[in-house]
């Protein structure tokens, strides 16, 4: 399984740890990705090409956006956690300086990164390949964008919550069932 963290996060984030604890750390690959989108995608594509038996992808926020692209390209089921649907819009606020939420370091974020994100957008994803976990209380992303992107999709929508997805660990059995189904 491949876990993809969100923008400014890392493989040391809490969801990554929870996923590794539940599925077994030897069964989950969770790389710390570059904040440069084309480098992050290159890394993820190489991981999938090197490990073709990946049973599924879990992506959070920007990682969810990457998961949509990778699921389409490699025909892999994905779970999206409060996914970024139009990161090329929301990440404009990170220009010119973004922050790494793990170590509080800053990095340069450029307009052309947004152009690349727009280039890899999948406009009509196969909704059967996705389980989407959304919380209405997400303070960063508008959950309604995901509802629009995945009409009639396999969506678990909860009241309250936040961008980190409160009580994520309670959804792990559902995630396992989705990947096994």
C-alpha atoms as a PDB file:
ATOM      1  CA  UNK A   1       0.000   0.000   0.000  1.00  0.00           C
ATOM      2  CA  UNK A   2       1.108   3.547  -0.715  1.00  0.00           C
ATOM      3  CA  UNK A   3       0.303   6.425   1.644  1.00  0.00           C
ATOM      4  CA  UNK A   4       0.654   9.939   0.174  1.00  0.00           C
ATOM      5  CA  UNK A   5       0.844  12.862   2.593  1.00  0.00           C
ATOM      6  CA  UNK A   6      -0.503  16.342   1.966  1.00  0.00           C
ATOM      7  CA  UNK A   7       1.152  19.643   1.105  1.00  0.00           C
ATOM      8  CA  UNK A   8       3.830  20.713   3.568  1.00  0.00           C
ATOM      9  CA  UNK A   9       3.599  17.425   5.451  1.00  0.00           C
ATOM     10  CA  UNK A  10       5.890  14.394   5.501  1.00  0.00           C
ATOM     11  CA  UNK A  11       5.972  10.650   5.965  1.00  0.00           C
ATOM     12  CA  UNK A  12       6.282  11.314   9.701  1.00  0.00           C
ATOM     13  CA  UNK A  13       2.732  12.682   9.952  1.00  0.00           C
ATOM     14  CA  UNK A  14       0.109  11.200  12.249  1.00  0.00           C
ATOM     15  CA  UNK A  15      -2.050   9.583   9.524  1.00  0.00           C
ATOM     16  CA  UNK A  16       0.981   7.873   8.033  1.00  0.00           C
ATOM     17  CA  UNK A  17       1.824   6.407  11.443  1.00  0.00           C
ATOM     18  CA  UNK A  18      -1.767   5.262  12.022  1.00  0.00           C
ATOM     19  CA  UNK A  19      -1.897   3.572   8.588  1.00  0.00           C
ATOM     20  CA  UNK A  20       1.435   1.818   9.203  1.00  0.00           C
ATOM     21  CA  UNK A  21       0.326   0.646  12.652  1.00  0.00           C
ATOM     22  CA  UNK A  22      -2.936  -0.758  11.305  1.00  0.00           C
ATOM     23  CA  UNK A  23      -1.725  -2.394   8.083  1.00  0.00           C
ATOM     24  CA  UNK A  24       1.813  -3.180   9.279  1.00  0.00           C
ATOM     25  CA  UNK A  25       4.791  -0.961   8.550  1.00  0.00           C
ATOM     26  CA  UNK A  26       6.242  -3.518   6.123  1.00  0.00           C
ATOM     27  CA  UNK A  27       3.020  -3.318   4.056  1.00  0.00           C
ATOM     28  CA  UNK A  28       2.887   0.481   3.744  1.00  0.00           C
ATOM     29  CA  UNK A  29       5.282   2.688   1.829  1.00  0.00           C
ATOM     30  CA  UNK A  30       5.035   6.346   2.803  1.00  0.00           C
ATOM     31  CA  UNK A  31       7.711   8.506   1.193  1.00  0.00           C
ATOM     32  CA  UNK A  32       8.390  12.088   2.211  1.00  0.00           C
ATOM     33  CA  UNK A  33       7.718  13.921  -1.029  1.00  0.00           C
ATOM     34  CA  UNK A  34       9.148  17.056  -2.542  1.00  0.00           C
ATOM     35  CA  UNK A  35       6.985  20.158  -2.365  1.00  0.00           C
ATOM     36  CA  UNK A  36       7.709  20.506  -6.108  1.00  0.00           C
ATOM     37  CA  UNK A  37       4.735  18.686  -7.682  1.00  0.00           C
ATOM     38  CA  UNK A  38       6.480  17.222 -10.733  1.00  0.00           C
ATOM     39  CA  UNK A  39       9.225  15.790  -8.505  1.00  0.00           C
ATOM     40  CA  UNK A  40       6.619  14.332  -6.142  1.00  0.00           C
ATOM     41  CA  UNK A  41       4.754  12.719  -9.059  1.00  0.00           C
ATOM     42  CA  UNK A  42       8.014  11.378 -10.536  1.00  0.00           C
ATOM     43  CA  UNK A  43       8.840   9.778  -7.181  1.00  0.00           C
ATOM     44  CA  UNK A  44       5.376   8.238  -6.828  1.00  0.00           C
ATOM     45  CA  UNK A  45       5.375   6.889 -10.390  1.00  0.00           C
ATOM     46  CA  UNK A  46       8.780   5.298  -9.800  1.00  0.00           C
ATOM     47  CA  UNK A  47       7.538   3.698  -6.571  1.00  0.00           C
ATOM     48  CA  UNK A  48       4.539   2.180  -8.353  1.00  0.00           C
ATOM     49  CA  UNK A  49       6.625   1.008 -11.318  1.00  0.00           C
ATOM     50  CA  UNK A  50       9.179  -0.562  -8.956  1.00  0.00           C
ATOM     51  CA  UNK A  51       6.484  -2.159  -6.752  1.00  0.00           C
ATOM     52  CA  UNK A  52       3.735  -3.155  -9.209  1.00  0.00           C
ATOM     53  CA  UNK A  53       1.796  -5.134  -6.572  1.00  0.00           C
ATOM     54  CA  UNK A  54       0.670  -2.073  -4.624  1.00  0.00           C
ATOM     55  CA  UNK A  55      -2.818  -3.002  -3.474  1.00  0.00           C
ATOM     56  CA  UNK A  56      -4.050   0.534  -2.995  1.00  0.00           C
ATOM     57  CA  UNK A  57      -3.264   4.165  -2.420  1.00  0.00           C
ATOM     58  CA  UNK A  58      -4.327   6.342   0.494  1.00  0.00           C
ATOM     59  CA  UNK A  59      -3.923  10.050  -0.159  1.00  0.00           C
ATOM     60  CA  UNK A  60      -4.637  12.972   2.137  1.00  0.00           C
ATOM     61  CA  UNK A  61      -5.326  16.507   0.883  1.00  0.00           C
ATOM     62  CA  UNK A  62      -2.819  17.171  -1.947  1.00  0.00           C
ATOM     63  CA  UNK A  63      -1.891  13.497  -1.611  1.00  0.00           C
ATOM     64  CA  UNK A  64      -5.501  12.761  -2.542  1.00  0.00           C
ATOM     65  CA  UNK A  65      -5.114  14.821  -5.712  1.00  0.00           C
ATOM     66  CA  UNK A  66      -1.976  12.873  -6.568  1.00  0.00           C
ATOM     67  CA  UNK A  67      -3.847   9.631  -5.826  1.00  0.00           C
ATOM     68  CA  UNK A  68      -6.567  10.539  -8.356  1.00  0.00           C
ATOM     69  CA  UNK A  69      -3.899  10.962 -11.042  1.00  0.00           C
ATOM     70  CA  UNK A  70      -2.024   7.779 -10.089  1.00  0.00           C
ATOM     71  CA  UNK A  71      -5.199   5.720  -9.790  1.00  0.00           C
ATOM     72  CA  UNK A  72      -6.148   6.758 -13.316  1.00  0.00           C
ATOM     73  CA  UNK A  73      -2.689   6.132 -14.766  1.00  0.00           C
ATOM     74  CA  UNK A  74      -2.018   2.788 -13.055  1.00  0.00           C
ATOM     75  CA  UNK A  75      -5.572   1.463 -12.481  1.00  0.00           C
ATOM     76  CA  UNK A  76      -5.213   1.260  -8.693  1.00  0.00           C
ATOM     77  CA  UNK A  77      -7.947   1.728  -6.091  1.00  0.00           C
ATOM     78  CA  UNK A  78      -7.517   4.786  -3.894  1.00  0.00           C
ATOM     79  CA  UNK A  79      -8.874   6.204  -0.664  1.00  0.00           C
ATOM     80  CA  UNK A  80      -9.003  10.001  -0.603  1.00  0.00           C
ATOM     81  CA  UNK A  81      -9.014  11.785   2.759  1.00  0.00           C
ATOM     82  CA  UNK A  82     -10.331  15.358   2.555  1.00  0.00           C
ATOM     83  CA  UNK A  83      -8.774  15.550  -0.920  1.00  0.00           C
ATOM     84  CA  UNK A  84      -7.647  18.698  -2.673  1.00  0.00           C
ATOM     85  CA  UNK A  85      -9.740  18.862  -5.843  1.00  0.00           C
ATOM     86  CA  UNK A  86      -8.337  22.091  -7.301  1.00  0.00           C
ATOM     87  CA  UNK A  87      -4.949  22.512  -5.605  1.00  0.00           C
ATOM     88  CA  UNK A  88      -3.826  24.858  -8.365  1.00  0.00           C
ATOM     89  CA  UNK A  89      -6.292  27.370  -6.881  1.00  0.00           C
ATOM     90  CA  UNK A  90      -5.899  26.800  -3.131  1.00  0.00           C
ATOM     91  CA  UNK A  91      -2.082  26.646  -3.204  1.00  0.00           C
ATOM     92  CA  UNK A  92      -1.762  30.132  -4.716  1.00  0.00           C
ATOM     93  CA  UNK A  93      -1.535  31.329  -1.136  1.00  0.00           C
ATOM     94  CA  UNK A  94       1.707  29.330  -0.709  1.00  0.00           C
ATOM     95  CA  UNK A  95       3.477  31.527  -3.288  1.00  0.00           C
ATOM     96  CA  UNK A  96       6.258  32.579  -2.791  1.00  0.00           C
ATOM     97  CA  UNK A  97       6.930  30.798   0.505  1.00  0.00           C
ATOM     98  CA  UNK A  98       5.453  27.565   1.847  1.00  0.00           C
ATOM     99  CA  UNK A  99       6.026  25.929   5.222  1.00  0.00           C
ATOM    100  CA  UNK A 100       6.878  22.366   6.144  1.00  0.00           C
ATOM    101  CA  UNK A 101       4.482  21.517   8.974  1.00  0.00           C
ATOM    102  CA  UNK A 102       6.780  18.816  10.345  1.00  0.00           C
ATOM    103  CA  UNK A 103       9.918  20.894  10.974  1.00  0.00           C
ATOM    104  CA  UNK A 104       8.605  24.464  10.400  1.00  0.00           C
ATOM    105  CA  UNK A 105      11.156  25.117   7.655  1.00  0.00           C
ATOM    106  CA  UNK A 106      10.238  27.324   4.704  1.00  0.00           C
ATOM    107  CA  UNK A 107      10.550  26.571   0.999  1.00  0.00           C
ATOM    108  CA  UNK A 108      10.077  28.499  -2.215  1.00  0.00           C
ATOM    109  CA  UNK A 109       6.822  27.709  -4.022  1.00  0.00           C
ATOM    110  CA  UNK A 110       6.453  28.905  -7.626  1.00  0.00           C
ATOM    111  CA  UNK A 111       3.570  29.677  -9.979  1.00  0.00           C
ATOM    112  CA  UNK A 112       4.735  27.060 -12.495  1.00  0.00           C
ATOM    113  CA  UNK A 113       4.084  24.376  -9.864  1.00  0.00           C
ATOM    114  CA  UNK A 114       0.403  25.296 -10.070  1.00  0.00           C
ATOM    115  CA  UNK A 115       0.529  24.971 -13.858  1.00  0.00           C
ATOM    116  CA  UNK A 116       1.837  21.413 -13.513  1.00  0.00           C
ATOM    117  CA  UNK A 117      -0.935  20.536 -11.048  1.00  0.00           C
ATOM    118  CA  UNK A 118      -3.489  21.733 -13.591  1.00  0.00           C
ATOM    119  CA  UNK A 119      -1.820  19.643 -16.325  1.00  0.00           C
ATOM    120  CA  UNK A 120      -2.213  16.387 -14.380  1.00  0.00           C
ATOM    121  CA  UNK A 121      -5.855  16.947 -13.441  1.00  0.00           C
ATOM    122  CA  UNK A 122      -8.133  13.987 -14.195  1.00  0.00           C
ATOM    123  CA  UNK A 123     -11.476  15.423 -15.281  1.00  0.00           C
ATOM    124  CA  UNK A 124     -13.656  12.292 -15.274  1.00  0.00           C
ATOM    125  CA  UNK A 125     -12.258   9.785 -12.778  1.00  0.00           C
ATOM    126  CA  UNK A 126     -13.673   6.253 -12.619  1.00  0.00           C
ATOM    127  CA  UNK A 127     -15.664   6.626  -9.398  1.00  0.00           C
ATOM    128  CA  UNK A 128     -15.587   2.863  -8.771  1.00  0.00           C
ATOM    129  CA  UNK A 129     -11.861   3.167  -8.004  1.00  0.00           C
ATOM    130  CA  UNK A 130     -12.333   5.552  -5.077  1.00  0.00           C
ATOM    131  CA  UNK A 131     -13.495   5.721  -1.493  1.00  0.00           C
ATOM    132  CA  UNK A 132     -13.704   9.352  -0.414  1.00  0.00           C
ATOM    133  CA  UNK A 133     -13.630  10.350   3.265  1.00  0.00           C
ATOM    134  CA  UNK A 134     -14.850  13.883   3.917  1.00  0.00           C
ATOM    135  CA  UNK A 135     -15.525  15.974   6.989  1.00  0.00           C
ATOM    136  CA  UNK A 136     -17.687  19.074   6.639  1.00  0.00           C
ATOM    137  CA  UNK A 137     -15.593  20.881   9.257  1.00  0.00           C
ATOM    138  CA  UNK A 138     -12.483  20.871   7.034  1.00  0.00           C
ATOM    139  CA  UNK A 139     -11.117  24.376   7.571  1.00  0.00           C
ATOM    140  CA  UNK A 140      -8.748  24.245   4.573  1.00  0.00           C
ATOM    141  CA  UNK A 141     -10.722  22.655   1.724  1.00  0.00           C
ATOM    142  CA  UNK A 142     -14.384  22.825   0.734  1.00  0.00           C
ATOM    143  CA  UNK A 143     -15.771  19.271   0.925  1.00  0.00           C
ATOM    144  CA  UNK A 144     -18.444  20.199  -1.669  1.00  0.00           C
ATOM    145  CA  UNK A 145     -15.765  20.263  -4.387  1.00  0.00           C
ATOM    146  CA  UNK A 146     -15.180  16.543  -3.813  1.00  0.00           C
ATOM    147  CA  UNK A 147     -18.925  15.879  -3.914  1.00  0.00           C
ATOM    148  CA  UNK A 148     -19.024  17.642  -7.308  1.00  0.00           C
ATOM    149  CA  UNK A 149     -16.000  15.748  -8.624  1.00  0.00           C
ATOM    150  CA  UNK A 150     -17.360  12.352  -7.577  1.00  0.00           C
ATOM    151  CA  UNK A 151     -21.142  12.437  -8.095  1.00  0.00           C
ATOM    152  CA  UNK A 152     -22.651   9.125  -7.002  1.00  0.00           C
ATOM    153  CA  UNK A 153     -19.226   8.128  -5.685  1.00  0.00           C
ATOM    154  CA  UNK A 154     -18.434   5.958  -2.684  1.00  0.00           C
ATOM    155  CA  UNK A 155     -18.345   8.829  -0.186  1.00  0.00           C
ATOM    156  CA  UNK A 156     -18.350   8.861   3.608  1.00  0.00           C
ATOM    157  CA  UNK A 157     -19.372  12.374   4.623  1.00  0.00           C
ATOM    158  CA  UNK A 158     -19.300  13.335   8.298  1.00  0.00           C
ATOM    159  CA  UNK A 159     -20.504  16.406  10.145  1.00  0.00           C
ATOM    160  CA  UNK A 160     -17.847  18.399  11.992  1.00  0.00           C
ATOM    161  CA  UNK A 161     -14.264  17.242  11.950  1.00  0.00           C
ATOM    162  CA  UNK A 162     -11.348  19.130  10.444  1.00  0.00           C
ATOM    163  CA  UNK A 163      -8.762  19.010   7.661  1.00  0.00           C
ATOM    164  CA  UNK A 164      -6.712  16.401   9.521  1.00  0.00           C
ATOM    165  CA  UNK A 165      -9.818  14.151   9.578  1.00  0.00           C
ATOM    166  CA  UNK A 166     -10.754  13.537  13.195  1.00  0.00           C
ATOM    167  CA  UNK A 167     -10.977   9.900  14.316  1.00  0.00           C
ATOM    168  CA  UNK A 168      -9.302   8.714  11.116  1.00  0.00           C
ATOM    169  CA  UNK A 169      -8.294   5.451  12.793  1.00  0.00           C
ATOM    170  CA  UNK A 170     -11.982   4.478  13.109  1.00  0.00           C
ATOM    171  CA  UNK A 171     -12.194   4.375   9.278  1.00  0.00           C
ATOM    172  CA  UNK A 172      -9.353   1.875   8.828  1.00  0.00           C
ATOM    173  CA  UNK A 173     -11.613  -1.230   8.814  1.00  0.00           C
ATOM    174  CA  UNK A 174     -13.741   0.449   6.110  1.00  0.00           C
ATOM    175  CA  UNK A 175     -10.586   1.225   4.133  1.00  0.00           C
ATOM    176  CA  UNK A 176      -9.432  -2.394   4.417  1.00  0.00           C
ATOM    177  CA  UNK A 177     -12.841  -3.624   3.211  1.00  0.00           C
ATOM    178  CA  UNK A 178     -12.735  -1.231   0.254  1.00  0.00           C
ATOM    179  CA  UNK A 179      -9.316  -2.467  -0.840  1.00  0.00           C
ATOM    180  CA  UNK A 180     -10.302  -6.119  -0.362  1.00  0.00           C
ATOM    181  CA  UNK A 181     -13.643  -5.747  -2.168  1.00  0.00           C
END
